[in-house]
Amino acid sequence: MWTWFHRLASPPSFYRFADRLAPWLLVSGLLLIGWAVWLGLFVAPADYQQGDAFRIIYVHVPAAALSLSIYTAMSVAGAIALIWRMKLAEVAVVSAAPIGASFTALALVTGMLWGKPTWGAYWVWDARLTSELVLLFLYLGVIGLQQAYSDARMAARACAWLALVGVVNVPIVHYSVQWWNSLHQGSTLLSAEAIANPKMAPSMLKPLLLSMAGNYLFFGAVWLRRMQNGVLLRERRAKWVREIALPADLPNARPLAGGPGTAKRGDRT
């Protein structure tokens, strides 16, 4: 098992593994999301209090859950990058940040749209909303740090430190509705009480679970593809990258300008 993980940490092995896995994750995720959208919009009954406005839960809850999960994954990858100086972990940190920022922004926007009919306002300085906004700023900070350094490894280590420091906000977001007087409702899925005694009818819960699973699979596919691009960019001068960029049946072909196989004359070995 450890030998397999050690081999997977090698950029060429990871690239080939991700190339095989990503399409399956993407197709499975999109199918589950499509199924969830159909059930959530056309099969699940309207809520007795919120009416059809509650259906935004099938977008909002998966986006909010992923915003926390992605940052947690970034912090784990950041710890691995700082302790063992693993290049693939560095790539994982910087590759996940834009995806996490997108899901966090989606959670905030859908939460605002849901809050208007529920609370009568798009935004209130609620503990959950404010801590989620801080999480978005942390994601943007990681993205900004990655762009601020010309050296990719220095940028990745700076991003890893910010991911580790900022992960303290993740439990604050999750437990904010319990620690402070909050307008935001309690956890629908991500708590022991909610798992033991579901608060939703099965016809409403099923599409939510499908949407959660589909979005996680979709994230996995996009993350793998972004990591592949990051690996190609870092290893662009390596022989295995040139073998990918130049088809084996065209040994004399020249790579496209700006492609991963492009290198100056002095870079060829």
Protein backbone atom coordinates (compact mmCIF):
# COMPACT_ATOMS: atom_id res chain seq x y z
CA MET A 1 0.00 0.00 0.00
CA TRP A 2 2.70 2.51 0.99
CA THR A 3 4.66 1.57 -2.12
CA TRP A 4 1.62 2.40 -4.24
CA PHE A 5 1.19 5.79 -2.54
CA HIS A 6 4.89 6.53 -2.93
CA ARG A 7 4.68 5.68 -6.64
CA LEU A 8 1.53 7.80 -7.02
CA ALA A 9 3.39 10.82 -5.60
CA SER A 10 5.67 10.70 -8.64
CA PRO A 11 4.49 13.35 -11.15
CA PRO A 12 4.43 10.98 -14.18
CA SER A 13 2.53 8.30 -12.26
CA PHE A 14 0.07 10.81 -10.86
CA TYR A 15 -0.53 12.36 -14.29
CA ARG A 16 -1.41 8.99 -15.83
CA PHE A 17 -3.54 7.99 -12.82
CA ALA A 18 -5.47 11.27 -12.92
CA ASP A 19 -5.92 10.98 -16.68
CA ARG A 20 -7.74 7.68 -16.17
CA LEU A 21 -9.76 8.65 -13.09
CA ALA A 22 -10.89 12.20 -13.88
CA PRO A 23 -13.32 11.33 -16.73
CA TRP A 24 -15.10 8.76 -14.56
CA LEU A 25 -15.47 11.23 -11.72
CA LEU A 26 -16.73 13.95 -14.07
CA VAL A 27 -19.34 11.80 -15.82
CA SER A 28 -20.55 10.24 -12.55
CA GLY A 29 -20.75 13.62 -10.86
CA LEU A 30 -22.69 15.26 -13.68
CA LEU A 31 -25.15 12.35 -13.84
CA LEU A 32 -25.78 12.53 -10.10
CA ILE A 33 -26.20 16.31 -10.22
CA GLY A 34 -28.63 16.00 -13.11
CA TRP A 35 -30.62 13.35 -11.24
CA ALA A 36 -30.66 15.52 -8.12
CA VAL A 37 -31.85 18.57 -10.07
CA TRP A 38 -34.71 16.56 -11.58
CA LEU A 39 -35.82 15.16 -8.23
CA GLY A 40 -35.32 18.44 -6.38
CA LEU A 41 -37.19 20.63 -8.86
CA PHE A 42 -39.94 18.35 -10.13
CA VAL A 43 -40.45 15.47 -7.68
CA ALA A 44 -39.77 16.79 -4.16
CA PRO A 45 -42.79 18.56 -2.63
CA ALA A 46 -42.72 22.21 -1.63
CA ASP A 47 -41.80 23.03 1.96
CA TYR A 48 -44.80 23.77 4.18
CA GLN A 49 -43.23 27.04 5.42
CA GLN A 50 -40.88 28.27 2.68
CA GLY A 51 -42.74 26.91 -0.33
CA ASP A 52 -40.64 26.44 -3.47
CA ALA A 53 -37.94 28.80 -2.18
CA PHE A 54 -36.45 25.95 -0.17
CA ARG A 55 -35.32 24.21 -3.40
CA ILE A 56 -32.20 26.36 -3.47
CA ILE A 57 -30.97 24.04 -0.71
CA TYR A 58 -29.91 21.57 -3.41
CA VAL A 59 -27.29 24.06 -4.58
CA HIS A 60 -26.52 25.96 -1.39
CA VAL A 61 -25.81 23.06 0.98
CA PRO A 62 -23.41 21.15 -1.33
CA ALA A 63 -21.58 24.40 -2.13
CA ALA A 64 -21.26 25.28 1.57
CA ALA A 65 -20.07 21.77 2.49
CA LEU A 66 -17.49 21.78 -0.29
CA SER A 67 -16.22 25.21 0.73
CA LEU A 68 -15.22 23.72 4.09
CA SER A 69 -14.03 20.37 2.76
CA ILE A 70 -11.78 21.89 0.10
CA TYR A 71 -10.05 24.21 2.55
CA THR A 72 -9.54 21.31 4.94
CA ALA A 73 -8.02 19.27 2.11
CA MET A 74 -5.77 22.22 1.27
CA SER A 75 -4.53 22.41 4.84
CA VAL A 76 -3.72 18.68 4.86
CA ALA A 77 -1.89 19.00 1.56
CA GLY A 78 -0.12 22.09 2.90
CA ALA A 79 1.10 20.20 5.96
CA ILE A 80 2.43 17.41 3.75
CA ALA A 81 4.12 19.95 1.49
CA LEU A 82 5.83 21.72 4.40
CA ILE A 83 6.87 18.61 6.31
CA TRP A 84 7.91 16.28 3.49
CA ARG A 85 8.41 18.92 0.76
CA MET A 86 6.36 16.88 -1.68
CA LYS A 87 5.91 18.68 -5.00
CA LEU A 88 2.55 17.05 -5.69
CA ALA A 89 1.18 18.32 -2.36
CA GLU A 90 2.31 21.83 -3.27
CA VAL A 91 0.47 21.55 -6.57
CA ALA A 92 -2.62 20.27 -4.73
CA VAL A 93 -2.77 23.37 -2.51
CA VAL A 94 -2.58 25.96 -5.27
CA SER A 95 -4.81 23.96 -7.62
CA ALA A 96 -7.67 23.63 -5.13
CA ALA A 97 -7.87 27.30 -4.13
CA PRO A 98 -9.76 28.66 -7.18
CA ILE A 99 -12.24 25.77 -7.00
CA GLY A 100 -12.81 26.37 -3.30
CA ALA A 101 -13.25 30.10 -3.87
CA SER A 102 -15.87 29.36 -6.54
CA PHE A 103 -17.88 27.06 -4.27
CA THR A 104 -17.61 29.52 -1.38
CA ALA A 105 -18.86 32.39 -3.56
CA LEU A 106 -21.70 30.16 -4.78
CA ALA A 107 -22.63 29.31 -1.19
CA LEU A 108 -22.70 32.99 -0.25
CA VAL A 109 -24.76 34.05 -3.28
CA THR A 110 -27.31 31.24 -2.93
CA GLY A 111 -27.46 31.90 0.81
CA MET A 112 -28.27 35.54 0.13
CA LEU A 113 -30.98 34.58 -2.38
CA TRP A 114 -32.42 32.14 0.15
CA GLY A 115 -32.15 34.66 2.97
CA LYS A 116 -34.28 37.30 1.26
CA PRO A 117 -37.60 35.37 1.44
CA THR A 118 -36.64 33.74 4.76
CA TRP A 119 -35.16 36.64 6.75
CA GLY A 120 -36.40 39.57 4.68
CA ALA A 121 -32.84 40.68 3.78
CA TYR A 122 -30.14 39.50 1.41
CA TRP A 123 -27.39 39.96 3.98
CA VAL A 124 -27.11 40.18 7.75
CA TRP A 125 -23.89 40.11 9.76
CA ASP A 126 -24.76 36.69 11.07
CA ALA A 127 -21.99 34.52 12.56
CA ARG A 128 -22.32 31.85 9.85
CA LEU A 129 -22.43 34.33 6.97
CA THR A 130 -19.55 36.42 8.30
CA SER A 131 -17.27 33.44 8.93
CA GLU A 132 -18.09 32.08 5.46
CA LEU A 133 -17.13 35.45 3.99
CA VAL A 134 -13.83 35.27 5.88
CA LEU A 135 -13.33 31.84 4.29
CA LEU A 136 -13.73 33.39 0.84
CA PHE A 137 -11.08 35.98 1.70
CA LEU A 138 -8.75 33.18 2.80
CA TYR A 139 -9.19 31.44 -0.54
CA LEU A 140 -8.52 34.71 -2.35
CA GLY A 141 -5.44 35.19 -0.17
CA VAL A 142 -4.06 31.82 -1.27
CA ILE A 143 -4.72 32.70 -4.91
CA GLY A 144 -3.06 36.09 -4.45
CA LEU A 145 0.00 34.60 -2.78
CA GLN A 146 0.39 32.10 -5.59
CA GLN A 147 0.44 34.95 -8.10
CA ALA A 148 2.77 37.13 -6.03
CA TYR A 149 5.85 34.91 -6.32
CA SER A 150 7.78 34.21 -9.48
CA ASP A 151 9.23 31.02 -7.97
CA ALA A 152 6.57 28.28 -7.98
CA ARG A 153 7.95 26.42 -4.96
CA MET A 154 8.21 29.55 -2.81
CA ALA A 155 4.66 30.48 -3.79
CA ALA A 156 3.39 27.01 -2.93
CA ARG A 157 5.04 27.05 0.50
CA ALA A 158 3.56 30.47 1.27
CA CYS A 159 0.13 29.17 0.22
CA ALA A 160 0.62 26.09 2.39
CA TRP A 161 1.32 28.25 5.45
CA LEU A 162 -1.79 30.34 4.83
CA ALA A 163 -3.87 27.18 4.36
CA LEU A 164 -2.62 25.84 7.69
CA VAL A 165 -3.20 29.08 9.56
CA GLY A 166 -6.59 29.69 7.98
CA VAL A 167 -7.98 26.22 8.67
CA VAL A 168 -8.90 27.42 12.17
CA ASN A 169 -11.82 29.20 10.48
CA VAL A 170 -13.33 25.92 9.24
CA PRO A 171 -14.68 24.76 12.65
CA ILE A 172 -15.76 28.34 13.33
CA VAL A 173 -17.93 28.26 10.20
CA HIS A 174 -19.33 24.84 11.01
CA TYR A 175 -20.11 25.42 14.70
CA SER A 176 -21.02 29.11 14.48
CA VAL A 177 -24.75 28.37 14.65
CA GLN A 178 -24.16 26.55 17.95
CA TRP A 179 -21.62 28.88 19.53
CA TRP A 180 -23.44 32.16 18.84
CA ASN A 181 -27.02 33.37 18.58
CA SER A 182 -27.52 32.90 14.85
CA LEU A 183 -30.36 33.44 12.41
CA HIS A 184 -28.96 30.64 10.28
CA GLN A 185 -30.61 27.25 10.79
CA GLY A 186 -28.67 24.36 12.24
CA SER A 187 -26.94 21.68 10.23
CA THR A 188 -29.25 19.71 7.98
CA LEU A 189 -26.83 16.86 7.31
CA LEU A 190 -23.40 17.42 8.84
CA SER A 191 -24.10 16.63 12.48
CA ALA A 192 -24.59 13.49 14.55
CA GLU A 193 -28.12 14.55 15.50
CA ALA A 194 -29.10 15.18 11.87
CA ILE A 195 -27.73 11.78 10.81
CA ALA A 196 -29.49 9.92 13.63
CA ASN A 197 -32.77 11.80 13.22
CA PRO A 198 -33.09 13.31 9.73
CA LYS A 199 -34.90 16.63 9.73
CA MET A 200 -36.06 16.28 6.13
CA ALA A 201 -38.63 14.05 4.51
CA PRO A 202 -37.08 11.23 2.44
CA SER A 203 -38.43 12.74 -0.79
CA MET A 204 -36.53 15.96 0.00
CA LEU A 205 -33.46 14.32 1.51
CA LYS A 206 -32.70 11.99 -1.42
CA PRO A 207 -32.02 14.73 -3.99
CA LEU A 208 -29.91 16.61 -1.45
CA LEU A 209 -27.72 13.56 -0.85
CA LEU A 210 -27.43 12.96 -4.60
CA SER A 211 -26.46 16.59 -5.16
CA MET A 212 -23.84 16.38 -2.41
CA ALA A 213 -22.31 13.23 -3.88
CA GLY A 214 -22.40 14.61 -7.42
CA ASN A 215 -20.74 17.87 -6.45
CA TYR A 216 -17.98 16.09 -4.56
CA LEU A 217 -17.29 13.87 -7.58
CA PHE A 218 -17.34 16.92 -9.85
CA PHE A 219 -14.86 18.68 -7.58
CA GLY A 220 -12.60 15.62 -7.63
CA ALA A 221 -12.55 15.62 -11.43
CA VAL A 222 -11.81 19.34 -11.72
CA TRP A 223 -9.14 19.18 -8.99
CA LEU A 224 -7.37 16.32 -10.74
CA ARG A 225 -7.39 18.19 -14.05
CA ARG A 226 -6.04 21.35 -12.46
CA MET A 227 -3.34 19.35 -10.71
CA GLN A 228 -2.42 17.74 -14.02
CA ASN A 229 -1.98 21.20 -15.54
CA GLY A 230 0.10 22.29 -12.55
CA VAL A 231 2.32 19.21 -12.82
CA LEU A 232 2.84 19.78 -16.56
CA LEU A 233 3.78 23.40 -15.94
CA ARG A 234 6.31 22.51 -13.25
CA GLU A 235 7.77 19.55 -15.11
CA ARG A 236 7.63 21.12 -18.58
CA ARG A 237 11.34 20.51 -19.16
CA ALA A 238 11.22 16.87 -18.12
CA LYS A 239 11.53 14.11 -20.68
CA TRP A 240 8.20 12.47 -19.80
CA VAL A 241 6.33 15.74 -20.45
CA ARG A 242 7.92 16.06 -23.89
CA GLU A 243 6.89 12.48 -24.60
CA ILE A 244 3.30 13.40 -23.80
CA ALA A 245 3.43 16.61 -25.84
CA LEU A 246 5.03 14.88 -28.86
CA PRO A 247 3.14 11.81 -30.12
CA ALA A 248 5.28 8.71 -30.40
CA ASP A 249 4.44 8.26 -34.08
CA LEU A 250 5.64 11.77 -34.89
CA PRO A 251 9.16 11.88 -33.40
CA ASN A 252 10.19 14.86 -35.50
CA ALA A 253 7.07 16.89 -34.81
CA ARG A 254 7.43 20.23 -33.10
CA PRO A 255 5.13 21.07 -30.15
CA LEU A 256 2.62 23.86 -30.42
CA ALA A 257 3.89 27.28 -29.39
CA GLY A 258 3.30 27.81 -25.69
CA GLY A 259 2.39 24.15 -25.13
CA PRO A 260 3.79 21.99 -22.33
CA GLY A 261 6.46 20.61 -24.65
CA THR A 262 7.74 24.03 -25.69
CA ALA A 263 11.24 24.81 -24.45
CA LYS A 264 14.17 26.91 -25.46
CA ARG A 265 17.09 25.35 -27.29
CA GLY A 266 19.22 25.45 -24.15
CA ASP A 267 16.53 23.61 -22.17
CA ARG A 268 16.72 20.45 -24.29
CA THR A 269 18.71 17.62 -22.80
